[in-house]
Amino acid sequence: MNIAIIGAGPAGLMAAETLAQAGARVTVYDARLSPGRKFLRAGVGGLNLTHSEPLDVFLARYRPAAPLEPILRAFGPQQMVAWARGLGFETFVGTSGRVFPLGMKASPLLRAWLRRLDALGVVFQFGYRWAGFARQDGTLIRFQTPDGLKIIAADAVILALGGGSWPKLGATGGWVTLLEAQGAPIAPLKPANCGFDVTWSEVFKTKFDGAPLKAVAVKFGELCKQGEFIITCEGVEGSLIYALAADLRDEIDAQGSAQLFLDLAPGWNVEKLIQRLAAPRGSRSLSHYLEKAVGLKGVKAGLLWEFVPRKDFASPEKLAAAIKSLPVPLIRPRPLAEAISSAGGVRFDGLDETLMLKALPGVFCAGEMLDWEAPTGGYLLTGCMSTGKWAAEGLIRWLNR
């Protein structure tokens, strides 16, 4: 078997490993000059491999969950940990339940992975940008290379071209028009795990751009989460925002905007706040009084000044209500190029159960280019690698038939 894998990210590398272990001749093509660029970028703050929560809870983090469930049950969190151990890396579970390799670094693990692939005979061709197929069955592949157009023959192909986020690392989404032209159904690429724009006043964004907002809760519909995020001159970003990003984005798509509600004092109830705010202020400024009475200062106090009408500061009841549920209007997601990951991609109704394109027999898809999304926390990497393995196993069965 002579197999071409297009894309040298986690999905493509896992597909290459699976196929090479089955005895296939595997060549991995990538437009960039080195593999795993987004994998390395994701590991800058500590490589989050997967998550330790119960599998049914883990599966529910994915949208849509149904097509991914058998894939993640076959290769999920436990298998990710075993895979890392097989490369010589023990793991540990952080306080949030996230799983990391000891040492937290992505580069040593990637180097060990590439050594394994080299020992299995996997060949890499860098500087090869996929330019479509010369035949509908995918057996002749077009590549733009530094030496011009090349056409490569293969018995079957796995596309692992990524989504559209972080294009400077290689995931440009340029494959969308090529696959659409050959009959593959594609859901539009959208930002996932992203920040959102807010129309701040000039005073607020000048003073608080880059300020962390800690020990807060955010509410949207039935969703409520506690943690922290960051104020930017454009709006809001950070882990707490990313956790709600899919629902916020969909609300903006449907309604044109979304209201995020902030609880600036999660440890206080409304009655206690009213009691403290009703105490005489004396000669103290309102800002000083807010700090002394209920501990609100800096960016939290700034948010109250930004969104609460001035007359409501004189009412302990209205001010307490605002502290517990401050509406922040979000007007749009940040651009796809800034997002941690992307939603949309090759629709599952255009694939069979092995992730082979119905419109292009012999061409399989894996990774972030599929139409799914998940939050940060190890879900993205596990999803990419599991679909890479699943597509490779499906390809082997297809060729054997």
Protein backbone atom coordinates (compact mmCIF):
# COMPACT_ATOMS: atom_id res chain seq x y z
CA MET A 1 0.00 0.00 0.00
CA ASN A 2 1.31 3.44 -0.97
CA ILE A 3 -0.55 5.98 1.17
CA ALA A 4 -0.38 9.77 1.03
CA ILE A 5 -1.22 11.78 4.13
CA ILE A 6 -1.64 15.49 3.55
CA GLY A 7 -1.04 17.49 6.70
CA ALA A 8 1.63 16.93 9.35
CA GLY A 9 -0.36 17.93 12.42
CA PRO A 10 -1.47 15.55 15.19
CA ALA A 11 -4.23 13.93 13.10
CA GLY A 12 -1.91 13.32 10.16
CA LEU A 13 0.92 12.03 12.32
CA MET A 14 -1.38 9.61 14.17
CA ALA A 15 -2.74 8.38 10.84
CA ALA A 16 0.84 7.88 9.60
CA GLU A 17 1.77 5.91 12.72
CA THR A 18 -1.28 3.66 12.45
CA LEU A 19 -0.75 2.93 8.75
CA ALA A 20 2.98 2.37 9.02
CA GLN A 21 2.47 -0.06 11.90
CA ALA A 22 0.10 -1.98 9.57
CA GLY A 23 2.84 -2.27 6.95
CA ALA A 24 1.82 0.52 4.57
CA ARG A 25 4.31 2.75 2.75
CA VAL A 26 3.42 6.20 4.06
CA THR A 27 4.44 9.64 2.84
CA VAL A 28 3.33 12.71 4.77
CA TYR A 29 3.09 15.95 2.77
CA ASP A 30 2.87 19.39 4.33
CA ALA A 31 2.94 22.92 2.96
CA ARG A 32 5.14 24.13 5.81
CA LEU A 33 8.78 23.24 6.36
CA SER A 34 8.37 21.34 9.64
CA PRO A 35 5.71 19.12 11.27
CA GLY A 36 3.44 19.71 14.23
CA ARG A 37 3.60 23.50 14.27
CA LYS A 38 0.22 24.02 15.97
CA PHE A 39 0.97 21.08 18.28
CA LEU A 40 4.08 22.91 19.46
CA ARG A 41 2.19 26.20 19.80
CA ALA A 42 -0.49 24.51 21.90
CA GLY A 43 2.22 23.25 24.24
CA VAL A 44 3.74 26.64 24.99
CA GLY A 45 1.87 26.94 28.29
CA GLY A 46 2.03 23.19 29.01
CA LEU A 47 0.93 20.44 26.63
CA ASN A 48 -2.62 19.45 27.58
CA LEU A 49 -2.97 15.93 26.18
CA THR A 50 -6.47 15.04 27.30
CA HIS A 51 -8.85 15.16 30.27
CA SER A 52 -9.38 12.76 33.16
CA GLU A 53 -13.14 13.19 33.69
CA PRO A 54 -15.50 10.19 33.22
CA LEU A 55 -15.80 9.17 29.59
CA ASP A 56 -19.52 9.96 29.25
CA VAL A 57 -18.88 13.49 30.54
CA PHE A 58 -15.86 13.76 28.24
CA LEU A 59 -17.91 12.73 25.19
CA ALA A 60 -20.57 15.34 25.97
CA ARG A 61 -18.00 18.13 25.48
CA TYR A 62 -18.01 17.57 21.71
CA ARG A 63 -20.40 19.15 19.22
CA PRO A 64 -21.83 17.15 17.51
CA ALA A 65 -21.24 14.27 19.91
CA ALA A 66 -22.98 11.43 18.05
CA PRO A 67 -20.61 10.91 15.08
CA LEU A 68 -17.55 11.22 17.31
CA GLU A 69 -18.70 8.90 20.10
CA PRO A 70 -17.56 5.57 18.57
CA ILE A 71 -14.29 7.20 17.50
CA LEU A 72 -13.53 8.56 20.97
CA ARG A 73 -14.59 5.35 22.67
CA ALA A 74 -12.06 3.51 20.51
CA PHE A 75 -9.26 6.00 21.19
CA GLY A 76 -9.99 8.37 24.03
CA PRO A 77 -8.33 9.70 27.19
CA GLN A 78 -6.99 6.36 28.45
CA GLN A 79 -5.51 5.54 25.06
CA MET A 80 -3.93 8.99 24.85
CA VAL A 81 -2.18 8.40 28.17
CA ALA A 82 -1.02 4.95 27.04
CA TRP A 83 0.24 6.38 23.76
CA ALA A 84 2.33 9.00 25.57
CA ARG A 85 3.69 6.36 27.92
CA GLY A 86 4.68 4.28 24.89
CA LEU A 87 6.83 7.20 23.75
CA GLY A 88 8.48 7.28 27.18
CA PHE A 89 6.41 10.07 28.77
CA GLU A 90 4.50 9.56 32.00
CA THR A 91 1.57 11.86 32.65
CA PHE A 92 -0.07 13.58 35.60
CA VAL A 93 -3.52 15.00 36.28
CA GLY A 94 -3.68 18.71 37.13
CA THR A 95 -6.03 20.27 39.65
CA SER A 96 -8.57 20.98 36.88
CA GLY A 97 -8.59 17.35 35.74
CA ARG A 98 -6.49 18.07 32.68
CA VAL A 99 -3.79 15.55 31.76
CA PHE A 100 -0.22 16.66 31.00
CA PRO A 101 3.05 14.88 30.28
CA LEU A 102 5.63 15.22 33.03
CA GLY A 103 7.74 18.21 32.15
CA MET A 104 4.73 19.83 30.40
CA LYS A 105 6.71 20.32 27.17
CA ALA A 106 5.47 19.56 23.65
CA SER A 107 8.81 19.55 21.83
CA PRO A 108 10.40 16.47 23.54
CA LEU A 109 7.25 14.45 22.91
CA LEU A 110 7.09 15.53 19.27
CA ARG A 111 10.75 14.63 18.76
CA ALA A 112 10.16 11.18 20.22
CA TRP A 113 7.09 10.75 18.02
CA LEU A 114 9.03 11.69 14.88
CA ARG A 115 11.79 9.23 15.81
CA ARG A 116 9.17 6.50 16.04
CA LEU A 117 7.73 7.46 12.66
CA ASP A 118 11.20 7.47 11.13
CA ALA A 119 11.87 3.98 12.51
CA LEU A 120 8.57 2.85 10.94
CA GLY A 121 9.74 4.15 7.55
CA VAL A 122 7.41 7.15 7.28
CA VAL A 123 8.71 9.67 4.72
CA PHE A 124 8.09 13.42 4.97
CA GLN A 125 7.88 15.88 2.09
CA PHE A 126 7.78 19.51 3.20
CA GLY A 127 6.95 22.54 1.07
CA TYR A 128 4.19 20.56 -0.70
CA ARG A 129 0.94 22.51 -0.80
CA TRP A 130 -2.08 20.43 -1.77
CA ALA A 131 -3.71 21.69 -5.00
CA GLY A 132 -6.47 19.14 -5.48
CA PHE A 133 -6.75 15.86 -7.36
CA ALA A 134 -5.96 15.10 -10.97
CA ARG A 135 -8.44 12.19 -10.86
CA GLN A 136 -11.79 11.91 -9.09
CA ASP A 137 -10.70 8.76 -7.24
CA GLY A 138 -7.91 10.69 -5.52
CA THR A 139 -5.13 8.44 -6.80
CA LEU A 140 -3.35 11.33 -8.54
CA ILE A 141 -2.63 14.27 -6.26
CA ARG A 142 -1.58 17.77 -7.30
CA PHE A 143 0.97 19.64 -5.19
CA GLN A 144 2.44 23.10 -5.58
CA THR A 145 6.09 22.81 -4.58
CA PRO A 146 9.13 25.11 -4.70
CA ASP A 147 9.97 23.33 -7.97
CA GLY A 148 6.55 23.89 -9.49
CA LEU A 149 3.48 21.67 -9.90
CA LYS A 150 3.97 17.98 -9.13
CA ILE A 151 1.51 15.12 -9.51
CA ILE A 152 1.93 12.22 -7.09
CA ALA A 153 0.28 8.79 -7.31
CA ALA A 154 -1.13 7.03 -4.24
CA ASP A 155 -3.39 4.06 -3.54
CA ALA A 156 -5.39 6.12 -1.03
CA VAL A 157 -5.23 9.49 0.73
CA ILE A 158 -5.90 10.90 4.17
CA LEU A 159 -6.53 14.64 4.30
CA ALA A 160 -5.60 16.14 7.67
CA LEU A 161 -5.39 19.79 6.67
CA GLY A 162 -6.61 21.46 9.87
CA GLY A 163 -9.26 24.12 10.24
CA GLY A 164 -8.87 27.82 9.63
CA SER A 165 -7.47 29.15 12.91
CA TRP A 166 -3.85 30.25 13.30
CA PRO A 167 -3.17 30.37 9.52
CA LYS A 168 0.43 31.44 10.13
CA LEU A 169 1.01 27.94 11.52
CA GLY A 170 -0.40 26.33 8.37
CA ALA A 171 -4.13 25.85 8.96
CA THR A 172 -5.44 28.30 6.37
CA GLY A 173 -8.71 26.63 5.38
CA GLY A 174 -7.61 26.93 1.75
CA TRP A 175 -8.75 23.35 1.14
CA VAL A 176 -12.44 24.31 1.44
CA THR A 177 -12.94 25.48 -2.15
CA LEU A 178 -10.96 22.53 -3.54
CA LEU A 179 -13.16 19.96 -1.81
CA GLU A 180 -16.38 21.83 -2.51
CA ALA A 181 -15.49 21.81 -6.20
CA GLN A 182 -15.31 18.02 -6.05
CA GLY A 183 -18.69 17.60 -4.39
CA ALA A 184 -17.80 17.39 -0.69
CA PRO A 185 -20.31 19.12 1.61
CA ILE A 186 -18.59 21.73 3.79
CA ALA A 187 -20.02 23.66 6.74
CA PRO A 188 -18.56 27.20 6.80
CA LEU A 189 -15.51 27.57 9.03
CA LYS A 190 -16.19 29.67 12.13
CA PRO A 191 -14.11 30.71 15.14
CA ALA A 192 -14.28 28.41 18.17
CA ASN A 193 -12.65 28.92 21.56
CA CYS A 194 -12.45 32.59 20.69
CA GLY A 195 -12.79 36.04 22.19
CA PHE A 196 -15.57 38.52 21.49
CA ASP A 197 -15.79 42.20 20.65
CA VAL A 198 -17.32 44.67 23.09
CA THR A 199 -17.81 48.38 22.39
CA TRP A 200 -15.89 49.77 25.36
CA SER A 201 -15.64 53.47 26.06
CA GLU A 202 -12.28 55.01 25.23
CA VAL A 203 -11.62 55.65 28.91
CA PHE A 204 -12.28 52.04 29.91
CA LYS A 205 -10.25 50.34 27.18
CA THR A 206 -7.33 52.74 27.63
CA LYS A 207 -7.22 52.03 31.36
CA PHE A 208 -7.95 48.29 31.43
CA ASP A 209 -6.63 46.77 28.17
CA GLY A 210 -4.91 43.53 29.18
CA ALA A 211 -6.34 43.50 32.72
CA PRO A 212 -7.20 40.05 34.13
CA LEU A 213 -10.65 39.71 35.62
CA LYS A 214 -10.30 37.10 38.39
CA ALA A 215 -12.73 35.35 40.72
CA VAL A 216 -15.84 36.05 38.67
CA ALA A 217 -18.68 33.97 37.30
CA VAL A 218 -20.20 34.30 33.85
CA LYS A 219 -23.75 33.40 32.94
CA PHE A 220 -25.38 32.85 29.59
CA GLY A 221 -28.77 31.20 29.44
CA GLU A 222 -28.61 28.07 31.60
CA LEU A 223 -24.81 28.05 31.54
CA CYS A 224 -22.86 29.39 34.50
CA LYS A 225 -19.12 29.02 35.05
CA GLN A 226 -16.63 30.53 37.47
CA GLY A 227 -13.02 31.44 36.78
CA GLU A 228 -11.18 34.29 35.10
CA PHE A 229 -10.71 36.00 31.75
CA ILE A 230 -8.99 39.02 30.25
CA ILE A 231 -10.22 42.44 29.17
CA THR A 232 -8.76 43.56 25.84
CA CYS A 233 -9.12 46.80 23.96
CA GLU A 234 -11.38 44.93 21.52
CA GLY A 235 -13.44 43.02 24.07
CA VAL A 236 -13.00 39.88 26.17
CA GLU A 237 -10.98 36.67 25.85
CA GLY A 238 -9.59 33.86 27.99
CA SER A 239 -10.54 30.46 29.37
CA LEU A 240 -13.84 31.46 30.96
CA ILE A 241 -15.01 33.10 27.72
CA TYR A 242 -13.83 30.17 25.59
CA ALA A 243 -15.92 27.80 27.71
CA LEU A 244 -19.09 29.56 26.50
CA ALA A 245 -17.82 30.59 23.08
CA ALA A 246 -19.83 28.14 20.96
CA ASP A 247 -23.16 29.17 22.52
CA LEU A 248 -22.28 32.86 22.43
CA ARG A 249 -21.22 32.66 18.78
CA ASP A 250 -24.41 30.83 17.80
CA GLU A 251 -26.53 33.42 19.64
CA ILE A 252 -24.79 36.23 17.76
CA ASP A 253 -25.31 34.40 14.47
CA ALA A 254 -29.02 34.03 15.22
CA GLN A 255 -29.79 37.34 16.94
CA GLY A 256 -27.02 39.74 15.91
CA SER A 257 -25.64 40.12 19.46
CA ALA A 258 -25.41 38.31 22.79
CA GLN A 259 -25.64 39.41 26.42
CA LEU A 260 -23.12 37.90 28.79
CA PHE A 261 -23.91 38.37 32.48
CA LEU A 262 -21.08 38.80 34.99
CA ASP A 263 -21.22 38.03 38.68
CA LEU A 264 -18.47 40.23 40.05
CA ALA A 265 -18.80 38.87 43.60
CA PRO A 266 -19.56 35.13 43.42
CA GLY A 267 -18.98 34.68 47.15
CA TRP A 268 -21.65 37.22 48.12
CA ASN A 269 -25.43 36.97 47.97
CA VAL A 270 -27.62 39.93 47.04
CA GLU A 271 -28.90 40.46 50.58
CA LYS A 272 -25.40 40.76 52.02
CA LEU A 273 -24.38 43.18 49.27
CA ILE A 274 -27.42 45.37 49.88
CA GLN A 275 -26.70 45.44 53.61
CA ARG A 276 -23.09 46.52 53.06
CA LEU A 277 -23.94 49.04 50.35
CA ALA A 278 -26.66 50.62 52.47
CA ALA A 279 -24.18 51.61 55.19
CA PRO A 280 -23.41 55.35 55.35
CA ARG A 281 -20.62 56.37 52.99
CA GLY A 282 -19.60 59.52 54.86
CA SER A 283 -16.95 61.59 53.12
CA ARG A 284 -15.44 58.67 51.19
CA SER A 285 -15.53 58.69 47.40
CA LEU A 286 -17.84 56.13 45.81
CA SER A 287 -14.86 54.22 44.38
CA HIS A 288 -13.21 54.03 47.80
CA TYR A 289 -16.52 53.08 49.37
CA LEU A 290 -17.07 50.20 46.89
CA GLU A 291 -13.63 48.85 47.70
CA LYS A 292 -14.08 49.05 51.46
CA ALA A 293 -17.69 47.90 51.57
CA VAL A 294 -17.68 44.98 49.10
CA GLY A 295 -14.07 44.64 47.90
CA LEU A 296 -14.66 45.87 44.35
CA LYS A 297 -11.82 47.82 42.82
CA GLY A 298 -9.78 48.12 39.64
CA VAL A 299 -11.30 46.49 36.59
CA LYS A 300 -14.34 45.18 38.50
CA ALA A 301 -15.24 48.67 39.65
CA GLY A 302 -14.45 49.94 36.16
CA LEU A 303 -17.01 47.54 34.68
CA LEU A 304 -19.68 48.93 37.00
CA TRP A 305 -18.87 52.48 35.91
CA GLU A 306 -18.95 51.29 32.28
CA PHE A 307 -22.40 49.69 32.31
CA VAL A 308 -24.40 50.86 35.35
CA PRO A 309 -26.35 54.14 35.00
CA ARG A 310 -24.98 56.78 37.37
CA LYS A 311 -28.29 57.20 39.18
CA ASP A 312 -28.32 53.48 40.09
CA PHE A 313 -25.19 53.90 42.21
CA ALA A 314 -27.37 55.68 44.77
CA SER A 315 -29.61 52.61 45.12
CA PRO A 316 -28.10 49.72 47.14
CA GLU A 317 -30.66 47.36 45.61
CA LYS A 318 -29.92 48.28 42.00
CA LEU A 319 -26.17 48.38 42.54
CA ALA A 320 -26.21 44.97 44.27
CA ALA A 321 -28.24 43.54 41.39
CA ALA A 322 -25.71 44.89 38.90
CA ILE A 323 -22.78 43.43 40.85
CA LYS A 324 -24.43 39.99 40.79
CA SER A 325 -25.63 40.13 37.17
CA LEU A 326 -23.92 42.79 35.08
CA PRO A 327 -24.93 42.63 31.41
CA VAL A 328 -22.05 42.92 28.94
CA PRO A 329 -23.13 43.17 25.28
CA LEU A 330 -21.03 41.10 22.86
CA ILE A 331 -21.28 42.24 19.25
CA ARG A 332 -19.22 39.67 17.31
CA PRO A 333 -16.64 36.89 17.71
CA ARG A 334 -13.02 37.77 17.10
CA PRO A 335 -11.74 36.77 13.63
CA LEU A 336 -11.17 33.11 12.81
CA ALA A 337 -7.44 33.68 12.39
CA GLU A 338 -7.22 34.59 16.11
CA ALA A 339 -9.29 31.68 17.42
CA ILE A 340 -7.72 28.73 19.18
CA SER A 341 -9.70 26.35 16.98
CA SER A 342 -12.41 26.39 14.35
CA ALA A 343 -15.91 25.01 14.00
CA GLY A 344 -17.31 23.87 10.66
CA GLY A 345 -15.54 21.82 8.03
CA VAL A 346 -16.28 18.59 6.15
CA ARG A 347 -19.81 17.59 7.16
CA PHE A 348 -20.36 14.12 8.55
CA ASP A 349 -23.23 13.49 6.13
CA GLY A 350 -20.62 13.66 3.35
CA LEU A 351 -18.55 10.91 4.99
CA ASP A 352 -19.14 7.23 5.57
CA GLU A 353 -18.61 5.58 8.96
CA THR A 354 -14.85 5.27 8.28
CA LEU A 355 -14.48 9.02 7.54
CA MET A 356 -14.11 8.39 3.79
CA LEU A 357 -15.60 11.04 1.52
CA LYS A 358 -18.66 9.69 -0.28
CA ALA A 359 -17.86 11.96 -3.23
CA LEU A 360 -14.23 10.77 -3.42
CA PRO A 361 -13.81 7.06 -2.67
CA GLY A 362 -10.32 6.39 -1.33
CA VAL A 363 -10.03 9.86 0.21
CA PHE A 364 -10.42 10.05 3.99
CA CYS A 365 -10.57 13.11 6.26
CA ALA A 366 -9.39 13.57 9.84
CA GLY A 367 -8.72 16.16 12.50
CA GLU A 368 -9.92 19.72 12.78
CA MET A 369 -11.01 19.89 9.14
CA LEU A 370 -14.04 17.80 10.13
CA ASP A 371 -17.22 19.59 11.23
CA TRP A 372 -16.87 19.33 15.01
CA GLU A 373 -15.76 21.51 17.86
CA ALA A 374 -14.82 21.12 21.51
CA PRO A 375 -13.57 23.34 24.33
CA THR A 376 -9.96 23.62 25.36
CA GLY A 377 -8.79 21.21 28.05
CA GLY A 378 -7.35 18.31 26.03
CA TYR A 379 -10.51 17.70 24.01
CA LEU A 380 -9.14 19.21 20.80
CA LEU A 381 -5.93 17.17 20.72
CA THR A 382 -7.72 13.94 21.65
CA GLY A 383 -10.34 14.57 18.96
CA CYS A 384 -7.72 15.20 16.28
CA MET A 385 -5.62 12.17 17.11
CA SER A 386 -8.57 9.81 17.52
CA THR A 387 -10.04 10.77 14.12
CA GLY A 388 -6.59 10.35 12.56
CA LYS A 389 -6.35 6.82 13.90
CA TRP A 390 -9.95 6.01 12.96
CA ALA A 391 -9.50 7.22 9.37
CA ALA A 392 -6.29 5.20 9.02
CA GLU A 393 -7.96 2.02 10.25
CA GLY A 394 -10.88 2.65 7.90
CA LEU A 395 -8.48 3.14 5.00
CA ILE A 396 -6.80 -0.20 5.73
CA ARG A 397 -10.16 -1.99 5.74
CA TRP A 398 -11.19 -0.25 2.52
CA LEU A 399 -8.02 -1.29 0.71
CA ASN A 400 -8.30 -4.86 2.00
CA ARG A 401 -11.82 -5.07 0.60
